[in-house]
Protein backbone atom coordinates (compact mmCIF):
# COMPACT_ATOMS: atom_id res chain seq x y z
CA MET A 1 20.51 8.31 91.29
CA LYS A 2 17.73 10.86 91.50
CA VAL A 3 15.16 10.51 88.70
CA ALA A 4 12.42 13.05 87.99
CA ILE A 5 9.51 12.11 85.74
CA VAL A 6 8.14 15.18 83.97
CA ILE A 7 4.88 14.99 82.04
CA LEU A 8 4.12 17.91 79.72
CA ASN A 9 0.40 18.61 79.64
CA TRP A 10 -1.85 20.72 77.48
CA ASN A 11 -5.60 20.31 77.98
CA GLY A 12 -4.99 16.69 78.89
CA LYS A 13 -7.25 16.14 81.87
CA GLU A 14 -8.64 12.85 80.55
CA LEU A 15 -5.17 11.55 79.73
CA LEU A 16 -3.87 12.47 83.18
CA LYS A 17 -6.87 10.78 84.76
CA LYS A 18 -6.22 7.62 82.76
CA PHE A 19 -2.43 7.33 82.88
CA LEU A 20 -1.13 9.04 86.03
CA PRO A 21 -2.15 6.09 88.26
CA SER A 22 0.30 3.71 86.52
CA VAL A 23 3.09 6.29 86.73
CA ILE A 24 2.50 6.77 90.47
CA GLU A 25 2.17 3.04 91.18
CA TYR A 26 5.30 1.93 89.34
CA SER A 27 7.65 4.88 89.98
CA LYS A 28 8.25 4.72 93.71
CA GLY A 29 11.08 6.93 94.89
CA CYS A 30 10.87 9.31 91.92
CA ASP A 31 9.63 12.86 91.93
CA ILE A 32 6.75 13.20 89.48
CA TYR A 33 5.88 16.51 87.85
CA VAL A 34 3.08 17.69 85.60
CA ALA A 35 4.38 20.62 83.58
CA ASP A 36 1.31 22.42 82.32
CA ASN A 37 1.61 24.35 79.05
CA ALA A 38 -1.04 27.00 79.76
CA SER A 39 -4.00 24.62 79.55
CA THR A 40 -7.47 26.09 79.17
CA ASP A 41 -9.21 23.08 80.70
CA ASP A 42 -9.21 22.26 84.42
CA SER A 43 -6.42 19.67 84.23
CA VAL A 44 -4.23 21.54 86.77
CA GLU A 45 -7.02 21.79 89.34
CA PHE A 46 -7.94 18.16 88.66
CA THR A 47 -4.36 17.00 89.27
CA LYS A 48 -4.05 19.02 92.47
CA THR A 49 -7.29 17.56 93.78
CA TYR A 50 -6.96 13.90 92.85
CA PHE A 51 -3.17 13.45 92.71
CA PRO A 52 -1.87 15.67 95.52
CA THR A 53 1.58 14.02 95.54
CA ILE A 54 2.27 15.28 92.02
CA ASN A 55 4.36 18.43 91.68
CA ILE A 56 2.85 21.08 89.41
CA ILE A 57 4.81 23.42 87.15
CA GLN A 58 2.77 26.02 85.26
CA ASN A 59 4.20 27.53 82.09
CA LYS A 60 2.72 30.90 81.22
CA ILE A 61 2.20 30.18 77.51
CA ASN A 62 1.95 27.18 75.20
CA ASP A 63 4.99 27.35 72.95
CA GLY A 64 5.08 23.64 72.17
CA TYR A 65 6.98 20.60 73.36
CA ALA A 66 10.46 22.10 73.00
CA LYS A 67 10.07 25.34 74.93
CA GLY A 68 7.56 23.76 77.29
CA TYR A 69 10.15 21.27 78.51
CA ASN A 70 13.02 23.78 78.40
CA ASP A 71 11.12 26.10 80.74
CA ALA A 72 9.81 23.37 83.02
CA LEU A 73 13.10 21.52 83.50
CA LYS A 74 14.77 24.67 84.83
CA GLN A 75 12.62 24.10 87.91
CA VAL A 76 13.45 20.38 88.36
CA ASP A 77 16.38 19.08 90.39
CA ALA A 78 17.44 15.56 89.40
CA ASP A 79 20.32 13.53 87.98
CA VAL A 80 18.12 12.12 85.23
CA PHE A 81 15.04 13.62 83.60
CA CYS A 82 12.39 11.26 82.25
CA LEU A 83 10.28 13.19 79.75
CA LEU A 84 7.05 11.23 79.55
CA ASN A 85 4.08 11.89 77.30
CA SER A 86 0.73 12.20 79.04
CA ASP A 87 -0.64 9.33 76.90
CA VAL A 88 1.83 6.71 78.14
CA GLU A 89 1.09 3.81 80.49
CA VAL A 90 4.19 2.53 82.27
CA SER A 91 4.65 -1.02 83.52
CA LYS A 92 5.96 -2.68 86.65
CA GLY A 93 9.75 -2.58 86.80
CA TRP A 94 10.12 -0.09 83.95
CA LEU A 95 12.59 2.20 85.72
CA GLN A 96 15.30 -0.01 87.21
CA PRO A 97 16.77 -1.41 83.96
CA VAL A 98 17.18 2.15 82.68
CA ILE A 99 18.78 3.35 85.91
CA ASP A 100 21.16 0.38 85.84
CA ILE A 101 22.45 1.45 82.42
CA PHE A 102 22.98 5.04 83.51
CA GLU A 103 24.86 3.90 86.61
CA SER A 104 27.12 1.46 84.77
CA GLU A 105 27.74 3.49 81.59
CA PRO A 106 28.87 7.07 82.29
CA ASN A 107 29.03 7.93 78.59
CA THR A 108 25.42 6.92 77.93
CA ALA A 109 23.43 10.15 78.01
CA ILE A 110 20.00 9.22 76.65
CA ILE A 111 17.87 6.05 76.92
CA GLN A 112 14.56 4.93 75.45
CA PRO A 113 12.51 1.93 76.66
CA LYS A 114 10.57 -0.44 74.42
CA LEU A 115 7.59 1.49 73.09
CA LEU A 116 4.50 -0.63 72.51
CA ASP A 117 1.07 0.31 71.17
CA TYR A 118 -1.41 0.92 74.00
CA ASN A 119 -4.37 0.01 71.77
CA ASN A 120 -2.71 -2.98 70.09
CA ARG A 121 -0.40 -4.20 72.80
CA GLY A 122 1.32 -6.97 70.86
CA TYR A 123 2.76 -4.47 68.40
CA PHE A 124 5.36 -1.74 68.52
CA GLU A 125 4.23 1.86 68.55
CA TYR A 126 4.92 4.25 65.70
CA ALA A 127 6.64 7.03 67.64
CA GLY A 128 9.77 5.12 68.66
CA ALA A 129 9.24 1.34 68.62
CA ALA A 130 12.56 -0.30 69.54
CA GLY A 131 14.82 2.70 69.02
CA GLY A 132 15.46 5.20 66.28
CA PHE A 133 17.92 5.51 63.41
CA ILE A 134 18.33 7.93 60.53
CA ASP A 135 19.40 7.58 56.92
CA LYS A 136 21.93 9.72 55.05
CA TYR A 137 19.25 12.19 53.93
CA GLY A 138 17.83 12.74 57.39
CA TYR A 139 14.76 10.49 57.24
CA PRO A 140 14.08 8.78 60.59
CA TYR A 141 13.03 5.18 61.05
CA CYS A 142 12.95 2.64 63.88
CA ARG A 143 13.64 -0.94 64.70
CA GLY A 144 10.10 -2.25 64.68
CA ARG A 145 8.68 0.53 62.49
CA ILE A 146 9.69 1.79 59.06
CA PHE A 147 7.34 4.38 57.60
CA ASN A 148 3.86 2.87 58.16
CA THR A 149 4.97 -0.77 58.50
CA ILE A 150 4.80 -1.71 62.17
CA GLU A 151 6.16 -5.01 63.47
CA LYS A 152 4.63 -7.37 66.00
CA ASP A 153 6.64 -7.71 69.21
CA ASN A 154 7.91 -11.29 69.20
CA GLY A 155 10.80 -10.57 71.54
CA GLN A 156 13.11 -9.83 68.60
CA TYR A 157 14.21 -6.55 70.21
CA ASN A 158 14.46 -7.63 73.86
CA ASP A 159 18.00 -6.30 74.00
CA ILE A 160 20.07 -3.32 75.02
CA MET A 161 21.46 -1.58 71.96
CA THR A 162 23.13 1.63 70.88
CA ILE A 163 20.69 3.59 68.73
CA PHE A 164 20.79 7.00 67.07
CA TRP A 165 17.73 8.68 68.54
CA ALA A 166 15.25 8.07 71.34
CA SER A 167 11.54 8.79 71.18
CA GLY A 168 10.23 11.92 72.88
CA ALA A 169 7.27 9.87 74.10
CA CYS A 170 9.50 8.40 76.84
CA PHE A 171 12.89 10.07 76.84
CA PHE A 172 15.46 9.62 79.61
CA ILE A 173 18.38 12.07 79.62
CA ARG A 174 21.07 13.00 82.11
CA SER A 175 20.25 16.48 83.38
CA SER A 176 23.88 17.55 83.03
CA VAL A 177 23.84 16.68 79.30
CA PHE A 178 20.47 18.36 78.74
CA LYS A 179 21.86 21.56 80.26
CA ALA A 180 25.23 21.33 78.48
CA LEU A 181 23.44 21.07 75.11
CA ASN A 182 21.04 23.92 76.00
CA GLY A 183 18.04 21.63 75.84
CA PHE A 184 15.70 21.43 72.89
CA ASP A 185 15.82 23.79 69.92
CA GLU A 186 12.73 25.92 70.52
CA SER A 187 12.37 26.86 66.85
CA PHE A 188 11.08 23.31 66.25
CA PHE A 189 7.94 23.92 68.39
CA ALA A 190 7.08 20.19 68.32
CA HIS A 191 8.13 17.01 66.48
CA MET A 192 11.68 15.83 65.87
CA GLU A 193 13.25 18.10 68.47
CA GLU A 194 14.29 14.94 70.32
CA ILE A 195 16.11 13.69 67.20
CA ASP A 196 17.94 17.00 66.93
CA LEU A 197 18.94 16.80 70.60
CA CYS A 198 20.11 13.19 70.21
CA TRP A 199 22.13 14.15 67.14
CA ARG A 200 23.81 16.99 69.03
CA ALA A 201 24.54 14.60 71.90
CA TYR A 202 26.01 12.11 69.42
CA ASN A 203 28.18 14.83 67.86
CA SER A 204 29.39 15.66 71.38
CA GLY A 205 30.57 12.08 71.88
CA TYR A 206 27.72 10.66 73.97
CA LEU A 207 25.84 7.38 73.44
CA ILE A 208 22.08 6.89 73.05
CA LYS A 209 20.70 3.51 74.11
CA TYR A 210 17.56 1.42 73.76
CA CYS A 211 16.57 -0.75 76.73
CA GLY A 212 14.27 -3.63 75.79
CA GLU A 213 13.97 -4.70 79.44
CA SER A 214 11.82 -1.63 80.12
CA GLU A 215 8.36 -1.48 78.53
CA VAL A 216 5.83 1.33 78.20
CA TYR A 217 2.60 1.60 76.23
CA HIS A 218 1.93 4.69 74.13
CA VAL A 219 -1.39 5.80 72.64
CA GLY A 220 0.22 8.15 70.12
CA GLY A 221 -1.25 11.09 68.23
CA ALA A 222 -2.98 12.50 71.30
CA THR A 223 -2.02 16.06 70.35
CA LEU A 224 -1.50 15.77 66.58
CA ASN A 225 -2.22 12.53 64.73
CA ASN A 226 -0.59 11.37 61.52
CA GLN A 227 -3.52 12.57 59.41
CA ASN A 228 -3.11 16.17 60.55
CA PRO A 229 -1.49 18.42 57.88
CA LYS A 230 0.17 20.47 60.63
CA LYS A 231 2.08 17.36 61.72
CA THR A 232 3.16 16.81 58.11
CA PHE A 233 4.43 20.39 57.99
CA LEU A 234 6.35 20.10 61.26
CA ASN A 235 7.87 16.73 60.39
CA PHE A 236 9.16 17.78 56.97
CA ARG A 237 10.37 21.21 58.11
CA ASN A 238 12.01 20.04 61.33
CA SER A 239 13.68 17.12 59.59
CA LEU A 240 15.35 19.58 57.22
CA PHE A 241 16.35 21.77 60.16
CA THR A 242 17.93 18.75 61.85
CA LEU A 243 19.82 17.60 58.77
CA VAL A 244 21.41 20.98 58.03
CA LYS A 245 22.34 21.64 61.65
CA ASN A 246 23.96 18.32 62.41
CA ALA A 247 25.04 16.23 59.41
CA LYS A 248 28.71 15.77 58.60
CA GLY A 249 29.97 16.42 55.07
CA HIS A 250 29.09 18.79 52.25
CA ILE A 251 25.53 19.75 53.11
CA LEU A 252 24.41 20.39 49.52
CA LEU A 253 25.32 16.81 48.54
CA LEU A 254 22.84 15.64 51.17
CA LEU A 255 20.31 18.42 50.83
CA ILE A 256 19.64 18.35 47.07
CA PRO A 257 18.65 14.63 46.95
CA ARG A 258 16.64 15.17 50.11
CA LEU A 259 14.64 18.04 48.62
CA ILE A 260 13.95 15.93 45.52
CA LEU A 261 12.71 13.04 47.68
CA ASP A 262 10.48 15.46 49.61
CA GLY A 263 9.06 16.63 46.29
CA MET A 264 8.26 13.04 45.39
CA ALA A 265 6.48 12.67 48.74
CA GLY A 266 4.44 15.77 47.92
CA ILE A 267 3.45 14.26 44.57
CA LYS A 268 2.49 11.00 46.33
CA PHE A 269 0.19 12.97 48.65
CA LEU A 270 -1.28 14.69 45.59
CA LEU A 271 -2.02 11.38 43.84
CA GLU A 272 -3.68 10.16 47.04
CA LEU A 273 -5.86 13.32 46.96
CA LYS A 274 -4.29 14.53 50.21
CA PHE A 275 -4.04 18.10 48.95
CA LYS A 276 -3.52 19.68 52.36
CA HIS A 277 -0.54 17.40 52.99
CA THR A 278 1.02 18.35 49.64
CA PHE A 279 0.63 22.00 50.60
CA SER A 280 2.19 21.22 54.00
CA VAL A 281 5.32 19.87 52.28
CA ILE A 282 5.54 23.04 50.17
CA ARG A 283 5.05 25.23 53.25
CA ALA A 284 7.71 23.24 55.11
CA HIS A 285 10.24 23.90 52.36
CA PHE A 286 9.59 27.63 52.23
CA SER A 287 9.80 27.85 56.01
CA PHE A 288 13.11 25.99 55.79
CA TYR A 289 14.46 28.35 53.11
CA ARG A 290 13.62 31.37 55.25
CA ARG A 291 15.64 29.94 58.13
CA PHE A 292 18.49 28.50 56.07
CA LEU A 293 21.17 31.07 56.96
CA ILE A 294 20.41 30.73 60.68
CA LEU A 295 20.72 26.95 60.36
CA ILE A 296 24.08 27.32 58.64
CA GLU A 297 25.32 29.42 61.57
CA GLN A 298 24.07 26.75 64.00
CA ARG A 299 25.85 24.17 61.86
CA LYS A 300 29.14 26.07 62.09
CA SER A 301 28.90 26.10 65.88
CA GLN A 302 29.12 22.30 65.97
CA LYS A 303 32.81 21.49 65.62
CA ASN A 304 32.73 17.72 66.06
CA LYS A 305 30.20 16.36 63.59
CA ARG A 306 30.56 12.59 63.16
CA ASN A 307 29.51 10.11 60.50
CA TYR A 308 26.19 8.64 61.49
CA TYR A 309 24.57 6.59 58.71
CA LYS A 310 25.23 2.95 57.90
CA LYS A 311 22.40 2.38 55.46
CA LYS A 312 21.57 3.96 52.13
CA SER A 313 18.36 5.89 51.63
CA ILE A 314 15.54 4.38 53.68
CA VAL A 315 13.13 5.72 51.05
CA ILE A 316 14.84 3.65 48.31
CA ASN A 317 15.11 0.61 50.58
CA TYR A 318 11.45 0.75 51.54
CA PHE A 319 9.65 1.85 48.38
CA VAL A 320 11.98 0.45 45.69
CA ASN A 321 13.76 -2.53 47.28
CA ASN A 322 10.66 -3.52 49.31
CA LYS A 323 12.60 -3.79 52.58
CA LYS A 324 9.87 -3.19 55.14
CA HIS A 325 11.55 -4.43 58.34
CA TYR A 326 14.70 -3.31 60.11
CA GLU A 327 16.28 -6.76 60.03
CA THR A 328 16.11 -6.83 56.20
CA LEU A 329 18.03 -3.58 55.72
């Protein structure tokens, strides 16, 4: 099975310098690419000089994670794409357990390894932890991380499990499935496009898996951290995009409670004096309304939407019922 590791880069010279060595050392037999999203630093020249075995793809403009990968992967020939953030350190033996699953399970299309915190290595990392799930109103959460509660890794998720979405920080996908689903939705720009792609794969009958036998360490927030209002905007807007496009059932029955819960989140930001984040939630909603009819057309194009949620609202479970860990849900 031919695996290509593709690292999207934007002005990430220091990250490439720090993390490429582990990728090269522990990924023998794989083609490794740096897909540069029109960087203005000298990261491309740096990579060519100090890592000459790395393949370089240069995108002409920076249109975010979604289009950046869509454009780059057209130039990559492999059975499996591994989309790897530039701020991820991989570990010895990280690839083989993932390859074994792909080879033994033809219907598994997407796999995520265990995602641990690079700076606090005994704990899971926010962006994907031990695999992602979603509640009935489209709010994502993970085994090992619900909202801002992050679990210590005590081996409780050293398993292989079917999940609902895989983290874009380290995202394995069969190239044939990526192409069949037309890749990422470029209107997302960045954040949650991997959840949308996983949801479309799920609606098409494929499985998404978590592999606890493979471990990587993620810094997180290298491009946009959680305190950035732009990230708040993208997360709220793109989550609404994803829900309308993909959820089964009467969309208004899901959407109205969701918009109310978003409003409550905006009020919470306001009470915390995070005025820019409140404004980001408002902006996200208006951006969503402007695109609503397009989303409905995209929704109609998906003929095989499937039930996906097993839990009630993660917001109610977390903030009202005080269920902070996945195992208590």
